[in-house]
N, C-alpha and C. Protein backbone atom coordinates (compact mmCIF):
# COMPACT_ATOMS: atom_id res chain seq x y z
N MET A 1 22.64 -36.44 74.02
CA MET A 1 21.24 -36.01 73.79
C MET A 1 21.22 -34.75 72.93
N THR A 2 20.34 -34.69 71.95
CA THR A 2 20.30 -33.62 71.05
C THR A 2 19.51 -32.50 71.67
N SER A 3 19.95 -31.26 71.76
CA SER A 3 19.16 -30.19 72.26
C SER A 3 18.09 -29.77 71.19
N SER A 4 17.11 -28.98 71.77
CA SER A 4 16.08 -28.59 70.79
C SER A 4 15.57 -27.22 71.14
N LEU A 5 15.04 -26.49 70.13
CA LEU A 5 14.52 -25.20 70.17
C LEU A 5 13.19 -25.16 69.45
N ALA A 6 12.05 -24.88 70.13
CA ALA A 6 10.73 -24.73 69.55
C ALA A 6 10.37 -23.25 69.53
N ILE A 7 10.19 -22.68 68.33
CA ILE A 7 9.78 -21.29 68.23
C ILE A 7 8.35 -21.22 67.81
N VAL A 8 7.48 -20.54 68.48
CA VAL A 8 6.09 -20.31 68.13
C VAL A 8 5.87 -18.85 67.78
N ILE A 9 5.42 -18.56 66.60
CA ILE A 9 5.13 -17.27 66.09
C ILE A 9 3.59 -17.08 66.02
N THR A 10 3.09 -16.19 66.71
CA THR A 10 1.61 -15.86 66.73
C THR A 10 1.34 -14.63 66.01
N ARG A 11 0.72 -14.63 64.91
CA ARG A 11 0.53 -13.38 64.13
C ARG A 11 -0.69 -12.59 64.74
N ASP A 12 -0.65 -11.30 64.65
CA ASP A 12 -1.75 -10.53 65.00
C ASP A 12 -2.94 -10.83 64.04
N SER A 13 -4.21 -10.61 64.51
CA SER A 13 -5.31 -11.02 63.75
C SER A 13 -5.48 -10.20 62.51
N SER A 14 -4.97 -8.93 62.50
CA SER A 14 -5.13 -8.14 61.30
C SER A 14 -3.86 -7.33 61.09
N PRO A 15 -3.55 -6.99 59.84
CA PRO A 15 -2.32 -6.30 59.45
C PRO A 15 -2.23 -4.84 60.04
N THR A 16 -1.10 -4.31 59.99
CA THR A 16 -0.80 -2.97 60.52
C THR A 16 -0.30 -2.16 59.29
N THR A 17 -0.92 -0.98 59.07
CA THR A 17 -0.55 -0.11 57.93
C THR A 17 -0.12 1.25 58.46
N HIS A 18 0.98 1.74 57.95
CA HIS A 18 1.45 3.08 58.26
C HIS A 18 2.23 3.64 57.08
N ASN A 19 1.88 4.93 56.64
CA ASN A 19 2.51 5.47 55.40
C ASN A 19 2.29 4.58 54.19
N SER A 20 1.16 3.93 54.06
CA SER A 20 0.79 3.04 52.94
C SER A 20 1.69 1.82 52.85
N ILE A 21 2.30 1.44 54.00
CA ILE A 21 3.12 0.21 54.05
C ILE A 21 2.42 -0.74 55.02
N THR A 22 2.13 -1.91 54.58
CA THR A 22 1.43 -2.89 55.34
C THR A 22 2.34 -4.08 55.84
N ALA A 23 2.26 -4.41 57.07
CA ALA A 23 3.05 -5.44 57.71
C ALA A 23 2.09 -6.30 58.52
N ARG A 24 2.49 -7.61 58.69
CA ARG A 24 1.78 -8.45 59.66
C ARG A 24 2.74 -8.53 60.93
N MET A 25 2.27 -7.94 61.98
CA MET A 25 3.03 -7.98 63.25
C MET A 25 2.67 -9.26 63.93
N GLY A 26 3.41 -9.62 64.94
CA GLY A 26 3.11 -10.76 65.75
C GLY A 26 4.07 -10.89 66.97
N THR A 27 4.00 -12.00 67.62
CA THR A 27 4.95 -12.25 68.74
C THR A 27 5.61 -13.65 68.56
N PHE A 28 6.79 -13.84 69.19
CA PHE A 28 7.44 -15.15 69.13
C PHE A 28 7.72 -15.46 70.65
N SER A 29 7.67 -16.84 70.79
CA SER A 29 8.08 -17.38 72.14
C SER A 29 8.95 -18.62 71.73
N CYS A 30 9.98 -18.78 72.57
CA CYS A 30 10.82 -19.94 72.44
C CYS A 30 10.85 -20.82 73.67
N SER A 31 11.01 -22.17 73.40
CA SER A 31 11.20 -23.14 74.50
C SER A 31 12.19 -24.14 74.15
N GLY A 32 12.88 -24.70 75.12
CA GLY A 32 13.96 -25.65 74.86
C GLY A 32 15.22 -25.06 75.33
N VAL A 33 16.18 -24.86 74.48
CA VAL A 33 17.49 -24.37 74.89
C VAL A 33 17.40 -22.98 75.39
N ASN A 34 16.39 -22.16 75.13
CA ASN A 34 16.22 -20.83 75.73
C ASN A 34 14.71 -20.57 75.75
N SER A 35 14.40 -19.56 76.59
CA SER A 35 13.01 -19.15 76.73
C SER A 35 12.77 -17.71 76.28
N SER A 36 13.43 -17.29 75.24
CA SER A 36 13.27 -15.88 74.80
C SER A 36 11.85 -15.59 74.25
N SER A 37 11.56 -14.36 74.15
CA SER A 37 10.26 -13.94 73.54
C SER A 37 10.44 -12.51 72.92
N GLY A 38 9.52 -12.18 72.09
CA GLY A 38 9.65 -10.84 71.50
C GLY A 38 8.49 -10.64 70.43
N HIS A 39 8.81 -9.84 69.53
CA HIS A 39 7.83 -9.45 68.49
C HIS A 39 8.35 -9.92 67.10
N THR A 40 7.46 -9.92 66.13
CA THR A 40 7.81 -10.29 64.76
C THR A 40 7.15 -9.37 63.78
N LEU A 41 7.72 -9.30 62.57
CA LEU A 41 7.18 -8.43 61.52
C LEU A 41 7.39 -9.33 60.19
N GLU A 42 6.28 -9.34 59.40
CA GLU A 42 6.44 -10.06 58.05
C GLU A 42 5.81 -9.11 57.10
N ASN A 43 6.20 -9.26 55.84
CA ASN A 43 5.56 -8.55 54.69
C ASN A 43 4.20 -9.13 54.51
N GLU A 44 3.21 -8.36 54.68
CA GLU A 44 1.75 -8.85 54.60
C GLU A 44 1.46 -9.56 53.31
N GLY A 45 2.00 -9.03 52.26
CA GLY A 45 1.65 -9.65 50.88
C GLY A 45 2.44 -10.79 50.58
N GLN A 46 3.47 -11.21 51.43
CA GLN A 46 4.36 -12.33 51.03
C GLN A 46 4.56 -13.27 52.19
N LYS A 47 3.69 -13.23 53.25
CA LYS A 47 3.86 -14.05 54.39
C LYS A 47 3.78 -15.53 54.05
N ILE A 48 4.34 -16.42 54.81
CA ILE A 48 4.28 -17.87 54.54
C ILE A 48 3.03 -18.45 55.13
N PRO A 49 2.58 -19.64 54.67
CA PRO A 49 1.44 -20.27 55.30
C PRO A 49 1.61 -20.64 56.65
N THR A 50 0.54 -20.72 57.42
CA THR A 50 0.65 -21.15 58.86
C THR A 50 1.05 -22.71 58.78
N GLY A 51 1.63 -23.08 59.81
CA GLY A 51 2.09 -24.60 59.82
C GLY A 51 3.31 -24.69 60.85
N THR A 52 3.78 -25.92 60.87
CA THR A 52 5.00 -26.23 61.67
C THR A 52 6.03 -26.71 60.66
N TYR A 53 7.15 -26.02 60.78
CA TYR A 53 8.38 -26.32 59.90
C TYR A 53 9.55 -26.74 60.66
N SER A 54 10.34 -27.75 60.14
CA SER A 54 11.60 -28.03 60.61
C SER A 54 12.51 -26.82 60.15
N ALA A 55 13.62 -26.58 60.90
CA ALA A 55 14.47 -25.54 60.61
C ALA A 55 15.91 -25.78 60.97
N PHE A 56 16.89 -25.09 60.42
CA PHE A 56 18.29 -25.22 60.81
C PHE A 56 18.94 -23.81 60.80
N VAL A 57 20.11 -23.72 61.39
CA VAL A 57 20.90 -22.57 61.47
C VAL A 57 21.74 -22.41 60.18
N ARG A 58 21.73 -21.23 59.56
CA ARG A 58 22.64 -20.88 58.46
C ARG A 58 23.66 -19.87 59.06
N ARG A 59 24.92 -20.28 58.90
CA ARG A 59 25.99 -19.40 59.50
C ARG A 59 26.88 -18.89 58.30
N ASP A 60 26.42 -18.84 57.14
CA ASP A 60 27.26 -18.41 55.97
C ASP A 60 27.43 -16.93 55.85
N ARG A 61 26.84 -16.12 56.73
CA ARG A 61 26.94 -14.70 56.71
C ARG A 61 27.37 -14.21 58.11
N GLN A 62 27.58 -12.91 58.21
CA GLN A 62 28.10 -12.42 59.57
C GLN A 62 27.03 -12.85 60.71
N MET A 63 25.77 -12.57 60.43
CA MET A 63 24.80 -12.96 61.54
C MET A 63 24.06 -14.21 61.16
N PRO A 64 24.12 -15.21 62.09
CA PRO A 64 23.42 -16.44 61.79
C PRO A 64 21.89 -16.25 61.63
N ARG A 65 21.31 -17.11 60.85
CA ARG A 65 19.76 -17.04 60.57
C ARG A 65 19.26 -18.39 60.77
N ILE A 66 17.90 -18.48 61.01
CA ILE A 66 17.19 -19.72 61.07
C ILE A 66 16.43 -19.95 59.84
N GLN A 67 16.79 -20.95 59.15
CA GLN A 67 16.04 -21.21 57.80
C GLN A 67 15.06 -22.34 57.90
N LEU A 68 13.86 -22.01 57.55
CA LEU A 68 12.81 -22.94 57.55
C LEU A 68 12.79 -23.89 56.41
N GLN A 69 12.42 -25.12 56.55
CA GLN A 69 12.45 -26.10 55.46
C GLN A 69 11.04 -26.56 55.04
N ASP A 70 10.97 -26.86 53.77
CA ASP A 70 9.72 -27.38 53.12
C ASP A 70 8.54 -26.44 53.34
N VAL A 71 8.74 -25.16 53.12
CA VAL A 71 7.65 -24.12 53.04
C VAL A 71 7.06 -24.27 51.68
N PRO A 72 5.72 -24.56 51.59
CA PRO A 72 5.09 -24.80 50.31
C PRO A 72 5.34 -23.66 49.33
N GLY A 73 5.85 -24.02 48.15
CA GLY A 73 6.04 -23.06 47.07
C GLY A 73 7.13 -21.96 47.35
N ARG A 74 7.95 -22.14 48.37
CA ARG A 74 8.94 -21.12 48.73
C ARG A 74 10.24 -21.75 49.04
N THR A 75 11.34 -21.00 48.92
CA THR A 75 12.66 -21.42 49.23
C THR A 75 13.31 -20.33 50.09
N GLU A 76 14.35 -20.73 50.88
CA GLU A 76 15.16 -19.82 51.66
C GLU A 76 14.36 -18.78 52.48
N ILE A 77 13.29 -19.34 53.17
CA ILE A 77 12.54 -18.57 54.12
C ILE A 77 13.22 -18.59 55.45
N GLN A 78 13.54 -17.37 56.04
CA GLN A 78 14.37 -17.34 57.17
C GLN A 78 13.80 -16.47 58.29
N ILE A 79 14.29 -16.67 59.44
CA ILE A 79 14.06 -15.67 60.49
C ILE A 79 15.48 -14.98 60.57
N HIS A 80 15.52 -13.63 60.37
CA HIS A 80 16.80 -12.94 60.35
C HIS A 80 16.54 -11.54 60.81
N THR A 81 17.67 -10.82 61.03
CA THR A 81 17.54 -9.42 61.50
C THR A 81 17.12 -8.49 60.47
N GLY A 82 16.44 -7.46 60.91
CA GLY A 82 15.89 -6.43 60.06
C GLY A 82 14.88 -5.56 60.79
N ASN A 83 14.44 -4.45 60.29
CA ASN A 83 13.50 -3.69 61.06
C ASN A 83 12.16 -3.45 60.31
N TRP A 84 12.24 -3.30 59.04
CA TRP A 84 11.06 -2.77 58.25
C TRP A 84 10.68 -3.81 57.18
N VAL A 85 9.52 -3.61 56.64
CA VAL A 85 8.95 -4.46 55.57
C VAL A 85 10.00 -4.47 54.34
N LYS A 86 10.70 -3.33 54.10
CA LYS A 86 11.69 -3.23 52.99
C LYS A 86 12.80 -4.23 53.21
N ASP A 87 12.99 -4.70 54.45
CA ASP A 87 14.04 -5.68 54.74
C ASP A 87 13.72 -7.06 54.53
N VAL A 88 12.50 -7.42 54.01
CA VAL A 88 12.07 -8.71 54.06
C VAL A 88 11.12 -9.00 52.91
N THR A 89 11.21 -10.17 52.24
CA THR A 89 10.28 -10.63 51.25
C THR A 89 9.29 -11.53 51.93
N GLY A 90 9.61 -12.81 52.03
CA GLY A 90 8.80 -13.72 52.78
C GLY A 90 9.30 -14.19 54.11
N CYS A 91 10.40 -13.52 54.54
CA CYS A 91 11.05 -13.99 55.75
C CYS A 91 10.30 -13.39 56.99
N ILE A 92 10.83 -13.71 58.17
CA ILE A 92 10.24 -13.17 59.49
C ILE A 92 11.40 -12.43 60.18
N LEU A 93 11.07 -11.27 60.65
CA LEU A 93 12.03 -10.39 61.40
C LEU A 93 11.65 -10.37 62.92
N PRO A 94 12.59 -10.75 63.77
CA PRO A 94 12.33 -10.65 65.17
C PRO A 94 12.71 -9.28 65.81
N GLY A 95 12.11 -8.88 66.87
CA GLY A 95 12.42 -7.62 67.54
C GLY A 95 12.11 -7.68 68.98
N THR A 96 12.58 -6.72 69.73
CA THR A 96 12.30 -6.61 71.22
C THR A 96 11.11 -5.75 71.46
N GLY A 97 10.74 -4.99 70.38
CA GLY A 97 9.53 -4.07 70.53
C GLY A 97 9.02 -3.74 69.14
N THR A 98 7.97 -2.85 69.05
CA THR A 98 7.45 -2.44 67.83
C THR A 98 7.23 -0.93 67.82
N ALA A 99 7.25 -0.36 66.62
CA ALA A 99 7.11 1.09 66.45
C ALA A 99 6.65 1.39 65.04
N THR A 100 6.45 2.65 64.71
CA THR A 100 6.21 3.07 63.34
C THR A 100 7.11 4.26 63.03
N ASP A 101 7.46 4.43 61.84
CA ASP A 101 8.19 5.65 61.39
C ASP A 101 7.92 5.85 59.97
N GLU A 102 8.62 6.76 59.29
CA GLU A 102 8.37 7.05 57.90
C GLU A 102 8.47 5.88 57.01
N LYS A 103 9.19 4.85 57.39
CA LYS A 103 9.41 3.62 56.59
C LYS A 103 8.27 2.61 56.87
N GLY A 104 7.34 2.93 57.78
CA GLY A 104 6.18 2.06 58.05
C GLY A 104 6.33 1.31 59.37
N PRO A 105 5.51 0.33 59.63
CA PRO A 105 5.57 -0.53 60.81
C PRO A 105 6.94 -1.10 60.90
N MET A 106 7.38 -1.26 62.18
CA MET A 106 8.78 -1.86 62.37
C MET A 106 8.88 -2.68 63.71
N VAL A 107 9.89 -3.57 63.68
CA VAL A 107 10.33 -4.09 65.03
C VAL A 107 11.60 -3.40 65.39
N THR A 108 11.84 -3.34 66.58
CA THR A 108 12.99 -2.61 67.13
C THR A 108 14.06 -3.66 67.76
N ASN A 109 15.32 -3.23 67.80
CA ASN A 109 16.31 -4.11 68.41
C ASN A 109 16.40 -5.51 67.84
N SER A 110 16.30 -5.67 66.51
CA SER A 110 16.21 -6.90 65.89
C SER A 110 17.44 -7.81 66.14
N GLY A 111 18.65 -7.20 66.20
CA GLY A 111 19.83 -8.04 66.46
C GLY A 111 19.83 -8.53 67.87
N ALA A 112 19.36 -7.73 68.89
CA ALA A 112 19.30 -8.29 70.26
C ALA A 112 18.26 -9.44 70.35
N ALA A 113 17.12 -9.30 69.66
CA ALA A 113 16.14 -10.36 69.70
C ALA A 113 16.67 -11.64 69.03
N MET A 114 17.34 -11.46 67.92
CA MET A 114 17.92 -12.67 67.13
C MET A 114 19.03 -13.27 68.06
N ASN A 115 19.84 -12.49 68.78
CA ASN A 115 20.81 -13.11 69.61
C ASN A 115 20.16 -13.91 70.76
N LYS A 116 19.10 -13.32 71.34
CA LYS A 116 18.39 -14.10 72.37
C LYS A 116 17.80 -15.37 71.84
N MET A 117 17.20 -15.31 70.63
CA MET A 117 16.62 -16.48 69.98
C MET A 117 17.60 -17.56 69.76
N MET A 118 18.89 -17.12 69.47
CA MET A 118 19.97 -18.12 69.14
C MET A 118 20.74 -18.59 70.31
N GLU A 119 20.44 -18.05 71.51
CA GLU A 119 21.11 -18.39 72.75
C GLU A 119 20.94 -19.96 73.04
N GLY A 120 22.09 -20.57 73.21
CA GLY A 120 22.10 -22.03 73.41
C GLY A 120 21.98 -22.91 72.18
N VAL A 121 21.81 -22.29 71.13
CA VAL A 121 21.68 -23.12 69.86
C VAL A 121 23.05 -23.39 69.33
N VAL A 122 23.36 -24.73 69.10
CA VAL A 122 24.63 -25.12 68.51
C VAL A 122 24.26 -25.98 67.29
N ASP A 123 25.43 -26.27 66.52
CA ASP A 123 25.19 -27.17 65.36
C ASP A 123 24.52 -28.40 65.84
N GLY A 124 23.45 -28.90 65.17
CA GLY A 124 22.85 -30.07 65.54
C GLY A 124 21.60 -29.88 66.47
N THR A 125 21.39 -28.70 66.92
CA THR A 125 20.13 -28.40 67.66
C THR A 125 18.95 -28.59 66.80
N LYS A 126 17.98 -29.39 67.28
CA LYS A 126 16.75 -29.60 66.60
C LYS A 126 15.80 -28.37 66.70
N ILE A 127 15.51 -27.78 65.53
CA ILE A 127 14.65 -26.52 65.64
C ILE A 127 13.30 -26.72 64.88
N THR A 128 12.23 -26.37 65.53
CA THR A 128 10.94 -26.36 64.89
C THR A 128 10.41 -24.91 65.02
N VAL A 129 9.76 -24.58 63.96
CA VAL A 129 9.06 -23.20 63.92
C VAL A 129 7.64 -23.39 63.65
N THR A 130 6.73 -22.98 64.57
CA THR A 130 5.30 -23.06 64.28
C THR A 130 4.78 -21.65 64.04
N VAL A 131 4.13 -21.44 62.88
CA VAL A 131 3.52 -20.10 62.58
C VAL A 131 2.02 -20.21 62.73
N MET A 132 1.43 -19.45 63.62
CA MET A 132 0.05 -19.45 63.82
C MET A 132 -0.67 -18.16 63.43
């Protein structure tokens, strides 16, 4: 039987701006092979359309990433580690909390959040990501 992971990202209704840097904050919740949850950050000017996307794990770098498929007009959109808007173009950053500093709005403990999101995921796990 194939394992599955469903990730739901719920964006805040309005963007967050600090030091003239604007981000779209939100939350994520997982179901299936794990039930992790946390916060998200996206670049407000380059966020992807809402919708449900199939995804897969990319393991070609030190830290695995979840790559979304068939995002309209975009390629290589991923959920990966990072803390600030400067760390992301159209991708989504997970975190265990949120804060602001001189670099703008941020998620905290991104590596820990990504590790929890990946818990139980193996090659062949069916992954869906819904962005709302």
